[in-house]
Amino acid sequence: MQRALAALVPRAVKDPRVGNLTITAVSLLEDLSAARVWFLPFGKDRNADEILAGLKSAAGFLRGEVARQLGLRHAPRLEFLLDTALEHAQSLTQLINNAVASDKALESAATGQPGPASTRGDES
């Protein structure tokens, strides 16, 4: 389903709000009544709310096309969601990097050795 949607959206959806995006994941409910579809827009200039509105307006069309392509008698209802996992991972990475740098600074202060900032020399 993810591959079918990834091929369909750029080719078949003519709504200018949608633009370029990546379908990052699809999750089906156990009863196959609905599918959650996570997406990421290409580029920072794209407004995720506009893309989401465009995808919601095309959901019925996409549902029918996916059903035809996959040979489904009953296609799941499509629910589109902005994928925030990448942003979350980046913020966690930044927190970890800050903690490591703080630990190194505390360790350097405790041992009396210069910290990482002073060992680099004057690079200004």
PDB file of N, CA and C in Angstrom:
ATOM      1  N   MET A   1       0.829  -1.182   0.000  1.00  0.00           N
ATOM      2  CA  MET A   1       0.000   0.000   0.000  1.00  0.00           C
ATOM      3  C   MET A   1       0.876   1.250   0.000  1.00  0.00           C
ATOM      4  N   GLN A   2       1.973   1.212   0.747  1.00  0.00           N
ATOM      5  CA  GLN A   2       2.866   2.364   0.793  1.00  0.00           C
ATOM      6  C   GLN A   2       3.444   2.647  -0.591  1.00  0.00           C
ATOM      7  N   ARG A   3       3.874   1.594  -1.285  1.00  0.00           N
ATOM      8  CA  ARG A   3       4.437   1.786  -2.623  1.00  0.00           C
ATOM      9  C   ARG A   3       3.387   2.306  -3.602  1.00  0.00           C
ATOM     10  N   ALA A   4       2.172   1.774  -3.495  1.00  0.00           N
ATOM     11  CA  ALA A   4       1.097   2.221  -4.389  1.00  0.00           C
ATOM     12  C   ALA A   4       0.794   3.699  -4.162  1.00  0.00           C
ATOM     13  N   LEU A   5       0.703   4.101  -2.901  1.00  0.00           N
ATOM     14  CA  LEU A   5       0.434   5.512  -2.597  1.00  0.00           C
ATOM     15  C   LEU A   5       1.601   6.410  -3.015  1.00  0.00           C
ATOM     16  N   ALA A   6       2.812   5.933  -2.788  1.00  0.00           N
ATOM     17  CA  ALA A   6       3.990   6.725  -3.151  1.00  0.00           C
ATOM     18  C   ALA A   6       4.037   6.969  -4.657  1.00  0.00           C
ATOM     19  N   ALA A   7       3.567   6.012  -5.444  1.00  0.00           N
ATOM     20  CA  ALA A   7       3.532   6.188  -6.897  1.00  0.00           C
ATOM     21  C   ALA A   7       2.337   7.025  -7.329  1.00  0.00           C
ATOM     22  N   LEU A   8       1.209   6.859  -6.651  1.00  0.00           N
ATOM     23  CA  LEU A   8      -0.020   7.552  -7.036  1.00  0.00           C
ATOM     24  C   LEU A   8      -0.017   9.042  -6.732  1.00  0.00           C
ATOM     25  N   VAL A   9       0.438   9.409  -5.560  1.00  0.00           N
ATOM     26  CA  VAL A   9       0.310  10.807  -5.118  1.00  0.00           C
ATOM     27  C   VAL A   9       0.956  11.786  -6.100  1.00  0.00           C
ATOM     28  N   PRO A  10       2.216  11.624  -6.470  1.00  0.00           N
ATOM     29  CA  PRO A  10       2.799  12.627  -7.381  1.00  0.00           C
ATOM     30  C   PRO A  10       2.225  12.555  -8.797  1.00  0.00           C
ATOM     31  N   ARG A  11       1.774  11.372  -9.205  1.00  0.00           N
ATOM     32  CA  ARG A  11       1.311  11.187 -10.576  1.00  0.00           C
ATOM     33  C   ARG A  11      -0.158  11.549 -10.752  1.00  0.00           C
ATOM     34  N   ALA A  12      -0.998  11.195  -9.789  1.00  0.00           N
ATOM     35  CA  ALA A  12      -2.446  11.292  -9.979  1.00  0.00           C
ATOM     36  C   ALA A  12      -3.110  12.446  -9.224  1.00  0.00           C
ATOM     37  N   VAL A  13      -2.513  12.928  -8.156  1.00  0.00           N
ATOM     38  CA  VAL A  13      -3.134  14.010  -7.385  1.00  0.00           C
ATOM     39  C   VAL A  13      -2.755  15.338  -8.029  1.00  0.00           C
ATOM     40  N   LYS A  14      -3.764  16.043  -8.520  1.00  0.00           N
ATOM     41  CA  LYS A  14      -3.523  17.303  -9.243  1.00  0.00           C
ATOM     42  C   LYS A  14      -3.682  18.537  -8.353  1.00  0.00           C
ATOM     43  N   ASP A  15      -3.983  18.337  -7.082  1.00  0.00           N
ATOM     44  CA  ASP A  15      -4.165  19.454  -6.152  1.00  0.00           C
ATOM     45  C   ASP A  15      -2.828  20.169  -5.955  1.00  0.00           C
ATOM     46  N   PRO A  16      -2.743  21.466  -6.257  1.00  0.00           N
ATOM     47  CA  PRO A  16      -1.468  22.182  -6.125  1.00  0.00           C
ATOM     48  C   PRO A  16      -0.972  22.297  -4.687  1.00  0.00           C
ATOM     49  N   ARG A  17      -1.839  22.081  -3.707  1.00  0.00           N
ATOM     50  CA  ARG A  17      -1.408  22.145  -2.303  1.00  0.00           C
ATOM     51  C   ARG A  17      -0.516  20.973  -1.941  1.00  0.00           C
ATOM     52  N   VAL A  18      -0.664  19.855  -2.642  1.00  0.00           N
ATOM     53  CA  VAL A  18       0.060  18.639  -2.260  1.00  0.00           C
ATOM     54  C   VAL A  18       1.526  18.729  -2.617  1.00  0.00           C
ATOM     55  N   GLY A  19       1.890  18.981  -3.847  1.00  0.00           N
ATOM     56  CA  GLY A  19       3.293  19.098  -4.226  1.00  0.00           C
ATOM     57  C   GLY A  19       4.059  17.802  -4.012  1.00  0.00           C
ATOM     58  N   ASN A  20       5.363  17.938  -3.807  1.00  0.00           N
ATOM     59  CA  ASN A  20       6.227  16.773  -3.628  1.00  0.00           C
ATOM     60  C   ASN A  20       6.269  16.360  -2.164  1.00  0.00           C
ATOM     61  N   LEU A  21       6.136  15.063  -1.949  1.00  0.00           N
ATOM     62  CA  LEU A  21       6.213  14.529  -0.593  1.00  0.00           C
ATOM     63  C   LEU A  21       6.677  13.096  -0.636  1.00  0.00           C
ATOM     64  N   THR A  22       7.014  12.583   0.521  1.00  0.00           N
ATOM     65  CA  THR A  22       7.418  11.191   0.667  1.00  0.00           C
ATOM     66  C   THR A  22       6.442  10.504   1.600  1.00  0.00           C
ATOM     67  N   ILE A  23       5.943   9.349   1.199  1.00  0.00           N
ATOM     68  CA  ILE A  23       5.118   8.519   2.071  1.00  0.00           C
ATOM     69  C   ILE A  23       6.102   7.686   2.892  1.00  0.00           C
ATOM     70  N   THR A  24       6.198   7.974   4.184  1.00  0.00           N
ATOM     71  CA  THR A  24       7.217   7.320   5.008  1.00  0.00           C
ATOM     72  C   THR A  24       6.748   6.009   5.635  1.00  0.00           C
ATOM     73  N   ALA A  25       5.437   5.881   5.889  1.00  0.00           N
ATOM     74  CA  ALA A  25       4.935   4.650   6.507  1.00  0.00           C
ATOM     75  C   ALA A  25       3.427   4.558   6.319  1.00  0.00           C
ATOM     76  N   VAL A  26       2.935   3.324   6.333  1.00  0.00           N
ATOM     77  CA  VAL A  26       1.498   3.060   6.306  1.00  0.00           C
ATOM     78  C   VAL A  26       1.222   2.009   7.364  1.00  0.00           C
ATOM     79  N   SER A  27       0.218   2.273   8.187  1.00  0.00           N
ATOM     80  CA  SER A  27      -0.157   1.347   9.247  1.00  0.00           C
ATOM     81  C   SER A  27      -1.650   1.044   9.122  1.00  0.00           C
ATOM     82  N   LEU A  28      -1.976  -0.245   8.987  1.00  0.00           N
ATOM     83  CA  LEU A  28      -3.370  -0.666   8.867  1.00  0.00           C
ATOM     84  C   LEU A  28      -3.926  -1.066  10.221  1.00  0.00           C
ATOM     85  N   LEU A  29      -5.177  -0.716  10.467  1.00  0.00           N
ATOM     86  CA  LEU A  29      -5.852  -1.198  11.667  1.00  0.00           C
ATOM     87  C   LEU A  29      -6.094  -2.697  11.515  1.00  0.00           C
ATOM     88  N   GLU A  30      -6.268  -3.397  12.619  1.00  0.00           N
ATOM     89  CA  GLU A  30      -6.431  -4.853  12.570  1.00  0.00           C
ATOM     90  C   GLU A  30      -7.620  -5.287  11.727  1.00  0.00           C
ATOM     91  N   ASP A  31      -8.708  -4.521  11.771  1.00  0.00           N
ATOM     92  CA  ASP A  31      -9.897  -4.895  10.997  1.00  0.00           C
ATOM     93  C   ASP A  31      -9.841  -4.385   9.553  1.00  0.00           C
ATOM     94  N   LEU A  32      -8.721  -3.766   9.159  1.00  0.00           N
ATOM     95  CA  LEU A  32      -8.474  -3.239   7.815  1.00  0.00           C
ATOM     96  C   LEU A  32      -9.474  -2.161   7.392  1.00  0.00           C
ATOM     97  N   SER A  33     -10.111  -1.524   8.366  1.00  0.00           N
ATOM     98  CA  SER A  33     -11.087  -0.482   8.038  1.00  0.00           C
ATOM     99  C   SER A  33     -10.429   0.859   7.752  1.00  0.00           C
ATOM    100  N   ALA A  34      -9.248   1.068   8.258  1.00  0.00           N
ATOM    101  CA  ALA A  34      -8.559   2.346   8.071  1.00  0.00           C
ATOM    102  C   ALA A  34      -7.052   2.126   7.998  1.00  0.00           C
ATOM    103  N   ALA A  35      -6.405   3.037   7.306  1.00  0.00           N
ATOM    104  CA  ALA A  35      -4.946   3.012   7.195  1.00  0.00           C
ATOM    105  C   ALA A  35      -4.424   4.395   7.545  1.00  0.00           C
ATOM    106  N   ARG A  36      -3.449   4.429   8.410  1.00  0.00           N
ATOM    107  CA  ARG A  36      -2.777   5.690   8.726  1.00  0.00           C
ATOM    108  C   ARG A  36      -1.580   5.803   7.798  1.00  0.00           C
ATOM    109  N   VAL A  37      -1.493   6.939   7.139  1.00  0.00           N
ATOM    110  CA  VAL A  37      -0.442   7.167   6.149  1.00  0.00           C
ATOM    111  C   VAL A  37       0.384   8.359   6.610  1.00  0.00           C
ATOM    112  N   TRP A  38       1.658   8.113   6.923  1.00  0.00           N
ATOM    113  CA  TRP A  38       2.549   9.192   7.361  1.00  0.00           C
ATOM    114  C   TRP A  38       3.319   9.712   6.159  1.00  0.00           C
ATOM    115  N   PHE A  39       3.494  11.030   6.130  1.00  0.00           N
ATOM    116  CA  PHE A  39       4.187  11.661   5.010  1.00  0.00           C
ATOM    117  C   PHE A  39       5.122  12.752   5.511  1.00  0.00           C
ATOM    118  N   LEU A  40       6.104  13.058   4.663  1.00  0.00           N
ATOM    119  CA  LEU A  40       7.032  14.174   4.886  1.00  0.00           C
ATOM    120  C   LEU A  40       7.066  15.015   3.627  1.00  0.00           C
ATOM    121  N   PRO A  41       6.866  16.322   3.750  1.00  0.00           N
ATOM    122  CA  PRO A  41       6.978  17.184   2.554  1.00  0.00           C
ATOM    123  C   PRO A  41       8.441  17.386   2.181  1.00  0.00           C
ATOM    124  N   PHE A  42       8.701  17.556   0.879  1.00  0.00           N
ATOM    125  CA  PHE A  42      10.041  17.909   0.409  1.00  0.00           C
ATOM    126  C   PHE A  42      10.232  19.396   0.610  1.00  0.00           C
ATOM    127  N   GLY A  43      11.359  19.784   1.142  1.00  0.00           N
ATOM    128  CA  GLY A  43      11.694  21.195   1.287  1.00  0.00           C
ATOM    129  C   GLY A  43      11.014  21.852   2.473  1.00  0.00           C
ATOM    130  N   LYS A  44      11.657  22.861   2.986  1.00  0.00           N
ATOM    131  CA  LYS A  44      11.139  23.579   4.150  1.00  0.00           C
ATOM    132  C   LYS A  44      10.109  24.638   3.764  1.00  0.00           C
ATOM    133  N   ASP A  45      10.051  25.004   2.467  1.00  0.00           N
ATOM    134  CA  ASP A  45       9.126  26.048   2.052  1.00  0.00           C
ATOM    135  C   ASP A  45       7.689  25.559   1.933  1.00  0.00           C
ATOM    136  N   ARG A  46       7.471  24.252   2.003  1.00  0.00           N
ATOM    137  CA  ARG A  46       6.133  23.688   1.887  1.00  0.00           C
ATOM    138  C   ARG A  46       5.437  23.708   3.240  1.00  0.00           C
ATOM    139  N   ASN A  47       4.185  24.153   3.246  1.00  0.00           N
ATOM    140  CA  ASN A  47       3.394  24.208   4.470  1.00  0.00           C
ATOM    141  C   ASN A  47       2.711  22.853   4.672  1.00  0.00           C
ATOM    142  N   ALA A  48       3.030  22.177   5.754  1.00  0.00           N
ATOM    143  CA  ALA A  48       2.498  20.838   6.017  1.00  0.00           C
ATOM    144  C   ALA A  48       0.982  20.856   6.163  1.00  0.00           C
ATOM    145  N   ASP A  49       0.416  21.930   6.706  1.00  0.00           N
ATOM    146  CA  ASP A  49      -1.038  22.004   6.860  1.00  0.00           C
ATOM    147  C   ASP A  49      -1.739  22.064   5.507  1.00  0.00           C
ATOM    148  N   GLU A  50      -1.157  22.788   4.554  1.00  0.00           N
ATOM    149  CA  GLU A  50      -1.730  22.855   3.207  1.00  0.00           C
ATOM    150  C   GLU A  50      -1.660  21.496   2.525  1.00  0.00           C
ATOM    151  N   ILE A  51      -0.520  20.829   2.659  1.00  0.00           N
ATOM    152  CA  ILE A  51      -0.350  19.507   2.062  1.00  0.00           C
ATOM    153  C   ILE A  51      -1.355  18.538   2.663  1.00  0.00           C
ATOM    154  N   LEU A  52      -1.515  18.594   3.983  1.00  0.00           N
ATOM    155  CA  LEU A  52      -2.466  17.720   4.666  1.00  0.00           C
ATOM    156  C   LEU A  52      -3.885  17.969   4.166  1.00  0.00           C
ATOM    157  N   ALA A  53      -4.256  19.227   3.999  1.00  0.00           N
ATOM    158  CA  ALA A  53      -5.591  19.550   3.483  1.00  0.00           C
ATOM    159  C   ALA A  53      -5.774  19.000   2.069  1.00  0.00           C
ATOM    160  N   GLY A  54      -4.752  19.118   1.237  1.00  0.00           N
ATOM    161  CA  GLY A  54      -4.818  18.576  -0.119  1.00  0.00           C
ATOM    162  C   GLY A  54      -4.941  17.067  -0.130  1.00  0.00           C
ATOM    163  N   LEU A  55      -4.194  16.411   0.745  1.00  0.00           N
ATOM    164  CA  LEU A  55      -4.266  14.951   0.827  1.00  0.00           C
ATOM    165  C   LEU A  55      -5.630  14.493   1.331  1.00  0.00           C
ATOM    166  N   LYS A  56      -6.174  15.208   2.309  1.00  0.00           N
ATOM    167  CA  LYS A  56      -7.496  14.849   2.820  1.00  0.00           C
ATOM    168  C   LYS A  56      -8.559  14.985   1.739  1.00  0.00           C
ATOM    169  N   SER A  57      -8.443  16.031   0.908  1.00  0.00           N
ATOM    170  CA  SER A  57      -9.433  16.205  -0.150  1.00  0.00           C
ATOM    171  C   SER A  57      -9.290  15.131  -1.235  1.00  0.00           C
ATOM    172  N   ALA A  58      -8.099  14.569  -1.404  1.00  0.00           N
ATOM    173  CA  ALA A  58      -7.863  13.527  -2.405  1.00  0.00           C
ATOM    174  C   ALA A  58      -7.984  12.120  -1.831  1.00  0.00           C
ATOM    175  N   ALA A  59      -8.286  11.998  -0.544  1.00  0.00           N
ATOM    176  CA  ALA A  59      -8.291  10.686   0.118  1.00  0.00           C
ATOM    177  C   ALA A  59      -9.271   9.712  -0.523  1.00  0.00           C
ATOM    178  N   GLY A  60     -10.465  10.155  -0.872  1.00  0.00           N
ATOM    179  CA  GLY A  60     -11.442   9.265  -1.489  1.00  0.00           C
ATOM    180  C   GLY A  60     -10.963   8.740  -2.830  1.00  0.00           C
ATOM    181  N   PHE A  61     -10.417   9.619  -3.647  1.00  0.00           N
ATOM    182  CA  PHE A  61      -9.860   9.222  -4.938  1.00  0.00           C
ATOM    183  C   PHE A  61      -8.725   8.223  -4.749  1.00  0.00           C
ATOM    184  N   LEU A  62      -7.793   8.539  -3.831  1.00  0.00           N
ATOM    185  CA  LEU A  62      -6.649   7.656  -3.587  1.00  0.00           C
ATOM    186  C   LEU A  62      -7.101   6.301  -3.056  1.00  0.00           C
ATOM    187  N   ARG A  63      -8.124   6.302  -2.219  1.00  0.00           N
ATOM    188  CA  ARG A  63      -8.662   5.050  -1.678  1.00  0.00           C
ATOM    189  C   ARG A  63      -9.139   4.147  -2.813  1.00  0.00           C
ATOM    190  N   GLY A  64      -9.889   4.714  -3.744  1.00  0.00           N
ATOM    191  CA  GLY A  64     -10.378   3.930  -4.879  1.00  0.00           C
ATOM    192  C   GLY A  64      -9.258   3.426  -5.766  1.00  0.00           C
ATOM    193  N   GLU A  65      -8.275   4.281  -6.031  1.00  0.00           N
ATOM    194  CA  GLU A  65      -7.149   3.881  -6.874  1.00  0.00           C
ATOM    195  C   GLU A  65      -6.305   2.790  -6.224  1.00  0.00           C
ATOM    196  N   VAL A  66      -6.064   2.912  -4.932  1.00  0.00           N
ATOM    197  CA  VAL A  66      -5.295   1.889  -4.213  1.00  0.00           C
ATOM    198  C   VAL A  66      -6.048   0.561  -4.251  1.00  0.00           C
ATOM    199  N   ALA A  67      -7.351   0.613  -4.050  1.00  0.00           N
ATOM    200  CA  ALA A  67      -8.166  -0.610  -4.086  1.00  0.00           C
ATOM    201  C   ALA A  67      -8.068  -1.269  -5.466  1.00  0.00           C
ATOM    202  N   ARG A  68      -8.135  -0.493  -6.525  1.00  0.00           N
ATOM    203  CA  ARG A  68      -8.027  -1.054  -7.875  1.00  0.00           C
ATOM    204  C   ARG A  68      -6.648  -1.651  -8.117  1.00  0.00           C
ATOM    205  N   GLN A  69      -5.608  -0.925  -7.727  1.00  0.00           N
ATOM    206  CA  GLN A  69      -4.249  -1.410  -7.975  1.00  0.00           C
ATOM    207  C   GLN A  69      -3.924  -2.668  -7.188  1.00  0.00           C
ATOM    208  N   LEU A  70      -4.419  -2.740  -5.952  1.00  0.00           N
ATOM    209  CA  LEU A  70      -4.100  -3.884  -5.087  1.00  0.00           C
ATOM    210  C   LEU A  70      -5.150  -4.987  -5.159  1.00  0.00           C
ATOM    211  N   GLY A  71      -6.222  -4.766  -5.918  1.00  0.00           N
ATOM    212  CA  GLY A  71      -7.263  -5.782  -6.055  1.00  0.00           C
ATOM    213  C   GLY A  71      -8.050  -6.005  -4.776  1.00  0.00           C
ATOM    214  N   LEU A  72      -8.343  -4.941  -4.053  1.00  0.00           N
ATOM    215  CA  LEU A  72      -9.074  -5.047  -2.788  1.00  0.00           C
ATOM    216  C   LEU A  72     -10.566  -4.848  -3.025  1.00  0.00           C
ATOM    217  N   ARG A  73     -11.390  -5.651  -2.362  1.00  0.00           N
ATOM    218  CA  ARG A  73     -12.835  -5.451  -2.450  1.00  0.00           C
ATOM    219  C   ARG A  73     -13.263  -4.276  -1.581  1.00  0.00           C
ATOM    220  N   HIS A  74     -12.655  -4.170  -0.422  1.00  0.00           N
ATOM    221  CA  HIS A  74     -12.954  -3.085   0.511  1.00  0.00           C
ATOM    222  C   HIS A  74     -11.652  -2.371   0.849  1.00  0.00           C
ATOM    223  N   ALA A  75     -11.531  -1.175   0.365  1.00  0.00           N
ATOM    224  CA  ALA A  75     -10.310  -0.398   0.623  1.00  0.00           C
ATOM    225  C   ALA A  75     -10.427   0.289   1.973  1.00  0.00           C
ATOM    226  N   PRO A  76      -9.341   0.354   2.717  1.00  0.00           N
ATOM    227  CA  PRO A  76      -9.374   1.056   4.003  1.00  0.00           C
ATOM    228  C   PRO A  76      -9.507   2.562   3.809  1.00  0.00           C
ATOM    229  N   ARG A  77     -10.133   3.205   4.766  1.00  0.00           N
ATOM    230  CA  ARG A  77     -10.215   4.674   4.801  1.00  0.00           C
ATOM    231  C   ARG A  77      -8.797   5.192   5.055  1.00  0.00           C
ATOM    232  N   LEU A  78      -8.379   6.215   4.324  1.00  0.00           N
ATOM    233  CA  LEU A  78      -7.025   6.742   4.460  1.00  0.00           C
ATOM    234  C   LEU A  78      -7.014   7.947   5.382  1.00  0.00           C
ATOM    235  N   GLU A  79      -6.144   7.888   6.373  1.00  0.00           N
ATOM    236  CA  GLU A  79      -5.960   8.995   7.320  1.00  0.00           C
ATOM    237  C   GLU A  79      -4.511   9.450   7.195  1.00  0.00           C
ATOM    238  N   PHE A  80      -4.313  10.683   6.758  1.00  0.00           N
ATOM    239  CA  PHE A  80      -2.967  11.203   6.529  1.00  0.00           C
ATOM    240  C   PHE A  80      -2.461  11.941   7.764  1.00  0.00           C
ATOM    241  N   LEU A  81      -1.188  11.685   8.098  1.00  0.00           N
ATOM    242  CA  LEU A  81      -0.554  12.302   9.269  1.00  0.00           C
ATOM    243  C   LEU A  81       0.851  12.766   8.894  1.00  0.00           C
ATOM    244  N   LEU A  82       1.234  13.917   9.416  1.00  0.00           N
ATOM    245  CA  LEU A  82       2.587  14.424   9.211  1.00  0.00           C
ATOM    246  C   LEU A  82       3.550  13.592  10.050  1.00  0.00           C
ATOM    247  N   ASP A  83       4.595  13.091   9.430  1.00  0.00           N
ATOM    248  CA  ASP A  83       5.586  12.278  10.130  1.00  0.00           C
ATOM    249  C   ASP A  83       6.567  13.198  10.858  1.00  0.00           C
ATOM    250  N   THR A  84       6.539  13.162  12.178  1.00  0.00           N
ATOM    251  CA  THR A  84       7.425  14.006  12.976  1.00  0.00           C
ATOM    252  C   THR A  84       8.577  13.218  13.595  1.00  0.00           C
ATOM    253  N   ALA A  85       8.735  11.965  13.199  1.00  0.00           N
ATOM    254  CA  ALA A  85       9.779  11.121  13.781  1.00  0.00           C
ATOM    255  C   ALA A  85      11.171  11.682  13.507  1.00  0.00           C
ATOM    256  N   LEU A  86      11.384  12.208  12.314  1.00  0.00           N
ATOM    257  CA  LEU A  86      12.700  12.749  11.972  1.00  0.00           C
ATOM    258  C   LEU A  86      13.041  13.957  12.833  1.00  0.00           C
ATOM    259  N   GLU A  87      12.084  14.866  12.997  1.00  0.00           N
ATOM    260  CA  GLU A  87      12.309  16.042  13.840  1.00  0.00           C
ATOM    261  C   GLU A  87      12.554  15.628  15.283  1.00  0.00           C
ATOM    262  N   HIS A  88      11.798  14.639  15.745  1.00  0.00           N
ATOM    263  CA  HIS A  88      11.966  14.142  17.116  1.00  0.00           C
ATOM    264  C   HIS A  88      13.356  13.526  17.287  1.00  0.00           C
ATOM    265  N   ALA A  89      13.794  12.755  16.305  1.00  0.00           N
ATOM    266  CA  ALA A  89      15.117  12.134  16.365  1.00  0.00           C
ATOM    267  C   ALA A  89      16.211  13.198  16.379  1.00  0.00           C
ATOM    268  N   GLN A  90      16.034  14.258  15.580  1.00  0.00           N
ATOM    269  CA  GLN A  90      17.035  15.330  15.552  1.00  0.00           C
ATOM    270  C   GLN A  90      17.109  16.055  16.889  1.00  0.00           C
ATOM    271  N   SER A  91      15.953  16.284  17.522  1.00  0.00           N
ATOM    272  CA  SER A  91      15.977  16.970  18.816  1.00  0.00           C
ATOM    273  C   SER A  91      16.597  16.081  19.887  1.00  0.00           C
ATOM    274  N   LEU A  92      16.337  14.777  19.836  1.00  0.00           N
ATOM    275  CA  LEU A  92      16.965  13.861  20.795  1.00  0.00           C
ATOM    276  C   LEU A  92      18.476  13.803  20.587  1.00  0.00           C
ATOM    277  N   THR A  93      18.902  13.791  19.332  1.00  0.00           N
ATOM    278  CA  THR A  93      20.332  13.786  19.035  1.00  0.00           C
ATOM    279  C   THR A  93      20.995  15.042  19.576  1.00  0.00           C
ATOM    280  N   GLN A  94      20.341  16.178  19.416  1.00  0.00           N
ATOM    281  CA  GLN A  94      20.884  17.437  19.925  1.00  0.00           C
ATOM    282  C   GLN A  94      20.982  17.405  21.449  1.00  0.00           C
ATOM    283  N   LEU A  95      19.956  16.878  22.110  1.00  0.00           N
ATOM    284  CA  LEU A  95      19.999  16.762  23.575  1.00  0.00           C
ATOM    285  C   LEU A  95      21.139  15.861  24.030  1.00  0.00           C
ATOM    286  N   ILE A  96      21.329  14.755  23.330  1.00  0.00           N
ATOM    287  CA  ILE A  96      22.415  13.827  23.679  1.00  0.00           C
ATOM    288  C   ILE A  96      23.769  14.498  23.467  1.00  0.00           C
ATOM    289  N   ASN A  97      23.929  15.191  22.337  1.00  0.00           N
ATOM    290  CA  ASN A  97      25.192  15.891  22.061  1.00  0.00           C
ATOM    291  C   ASN A  97      25.479  16.945  23.120  1.00  0.00           C
ATOM    292  N   ASN A  98      24.450  17.675  23.534  1.00  0.00           N
ATOM    293  CA  ASN A  98      24.629  18.688  24.584  1.00  0.00           C
ATOM    294  C   ASN A  98      25.028  18.041  25.903  1.00  0.00           C
ATOM    295  N   ALA A  99      24.409  16.909  26.236  1.00  0.00           N
ATOM    296  CA  ALA A  99      24.735  16.211  27.486  1.00  0.00           C
ATOM    297  C   ALA A  99      26.172  15.691  27.463  1.00  0.00           C
ATOM    298  N   VAL A 100      26.599  15.134  26.341  1.00  0.00           N
ATOM    299  CA  VAL A 100      27.966  14.625  26.211  1.00  0.00           C
ATOM    300  C   VAL A 100      28.966  15.770  26.342  1.00  0.00           C
ATOM    301  N   ALA A 101      28.690  16.888  25.683  1.00  0.00           N
ATOM    302  CA  ALA A 101      29.589  18.041  25.772  1.00  0.00           C
ATOM    303  C   ALA A 101      29.648  18.575  27.199  1.00  0.00           C
ATOM    304  N   SER A 102      28.519  18.593  27.877  1.00  0.00           N
ATOM    305  CA  SER A 102      28.474  19.058  29.262  1.00  0.00           C
ATOM    306  C   SER A 102      29.270  18.118  30.170  1.00  0.00           C
ATOM    307  N   ASP A 103      29.117  16.808  29.951  1.00  0.00           N
ATOM    308  CA  ASP A 103      29.871  15.837  30.741  1.00  0.00           C
ATOM    309  C   ASP A 103      31.372  15.984  30.520  1.00  0.00           C
ATOM    310  N   LYS A 104      31.779  16.197  29.274  1.00  0.00           N
ATOM    311  CA  LYS A 104      33.204  16.377  28.977  1.00  0.00           C
ATOM    312  C   LYS A 104      33.741  17.637  29.637  1.00  0.00           C
ATOM    313  N   ALA A 105      32.943  18.711  29.636  1.00  0.00           N
ATOM    314  CA  ALA A 105      33.370  19.958  30.261  1.00  0.00           C
ATOM    315  C   ALA A 105      33.513  19.775  31.771  1.00  0.00           C
ATOM    316  N   LEU A 106      32.564  19.065  32.385  1.00  0.00           N
ATOM    317  CA  LEU A 106      32.652  18.807  33.823  1.00  0.00           C
ATOM    318  C   LEU A 106      33.846  17.919  34.156  1.00  0.00           C
ATOM    319  N   GLU A 107      34.099  16.919  33.328  1.00  0.00           N
ATOM    320  CA  GLU A 107      35.235  16.022  33.543  1.00  0.00           C
ATOM    321  C   GLU A 107      36.549  16.782  33.414  1.00  0.00           C
ATOM    322  N   SER A 108      36.631  17.665  32.426  1.00  0.00           N
ATOM    323  CA  SER A 108      37.844  18.461  32.233  1.00  0.00           C
ATOM    324  C   SER A 108      38.072  19.404  33.411  1.00  0.00           C
ATOM    325  N   ALA A 109      36.995  19.988  33.904  1.00  0.00           N
ATOM    326  CA  ALA A 109      37.111  20.896  35.041  1.00  0.00           C
ATOM    327  C   ALA A 109      37.542  20.145  36.294  1.00  0.00           C
ATOM    328  N   ALA A 110      37.056  18.918  36.448  1.00  0.00           N
ATOM    329  CA  ALA A 110      37.398  18.123  37.637  1.00  0.00           C
ATOM    330  C   ALA A 110      38.847  17.665  37.613  1.00  0.00           C
ATOM    331  N   THR A 111      39.383  17.378  36.440  1.00  0.00           N
ATOM    332  CA  THR A 111      40.763  16.896  36.347  1.00  0.00           C
ATOM    333  C   THR A 111      41.763  18.038  36.178  1.00  0.00           C
ATOM    334  N   GLY A 112      41.252  19.241  35.935  1.00  0.00           N
ATOM    335  CA  GLY A 112      42.131  20.393  35.792  1.00  0.00           C
ATOM    336  C   GLY A 112      42.725  20.530  34.410  1.00  0.00           C
ATOM    337  N   GLN A 113      42.312  19.718  33.472  1.00  0.00           N
ATOM    338  CA  GLN A 113      42.803  19.816  32.101  1.00  0.00           C
ATOM    339  C   GLN A 113      41.910  20.761  31.313  1.00  0.00           C
ATOM    340  N   PRO A 114      42.467  21.368  30.284  1.00  0.00           N
ATOM    341  CA  PRO A 114      41.650  22.281  29.482  1.00  0.00           C
ATOM    342  C   PRO A 114      40.525  21.519  28.780  1.00  0.00           C
ATOM    343  N   GLY A 115      39.379  22.202  28.605  1.00  0.00           N
ATOM    344  CA  GLY A 115      38.219  21.607  27.951  1.00  0.00           C
ATOM    345  C   GLY A 115      38.383  21.573  26.449  1.00  0.00           C
ATOM    346  N   PRO A 116      37.432  21.011  25.761  1.00  0.00           N
ATOM    347  CA  PRO A 116      37.535  20.885  24.307  1.00  0.00           C
ATOM    348  C   PRO A 116      37.637  22.222  23.586  1.00  0.00           C
ATOM    349  N   ALA A 117      37.032  23.275  24.109  1.00  0.00           N
ATOM    350  CA  ALA A 117      37.070  24.583  23.454  1.00  0.00           C
ATOM    351  C   ALA A 117      38.481  25.164  23.473  1.00  0.00           C
ATOM    352  N   SER A 118      39.248  24.933  24.568  1.00  0.00           N
ATOM    353  CA  SER A 118      40.586  25.519  24.647  1.00  0.00           C
ATOM    354  C   SER A 118      41.640  24.694  23.935  1.00  0.00           C
ATOM    355  N   THR A 119      41.368  23.435  23.621  1.00  0.00           N
ATOM    356  CA  THR A 119      42.371  22.601  22.956  1.00  0.00           C
ATOM    357  C   THR A 119      42.372  22.848  21.452  1.00  0.00           C
ATOM    358  N   ARG A 120      41.355  23.499  20.913  1.00  0.00           N
ATOM    359  CA  ARG A 120      41.289  23.723  19.482  1.00  0.00           C
ATOM    360  C   ARG A 120      42.203  24.858  19.043  1.00  0.00           C
ATOM    361  N   GLY A 121      42.621  25.660  19.935  1.00  0.00           N
ATOM    362  CA  GLY A 121      43.478  26.786  19.583  1.00  0.00           C
ATOM    363  C   GLY A 121      42.657  27.967  19.134  1.00  0.00           C
ATOM    364  N   ASP A 122      43.309  28.999  18.693  1.00  0.00           N
ATOM    365  CA  ASP A 122      42.635  30.220  18.272  1.00  0.00           C
ATOM    366  C   ASP A 122      42.368  30.128  16.770  1.00  0.00           C
ATOM    367  N   GLU A 123      41.136  29.763  16.397  1.00  0.00           N
ATOM    368  CA  GLU A 123      40.799  29.589  14.992  1.00  0.00           C
ATOM    369  C   GLU A 123      39.990  30.755  14.466  1.00  0.00           C
ATOM    370  N   SER A 124      39.909  31.839  15.151  1.00  0.00           N
ATOM    371  CA  SER A 124      39.073  32.959  14.723  1.00  0.00           C
ATOM    372  C   SER A 124      39.571  33.568  13.506  1.00  0.00           C
TER     373      SER A 124
END
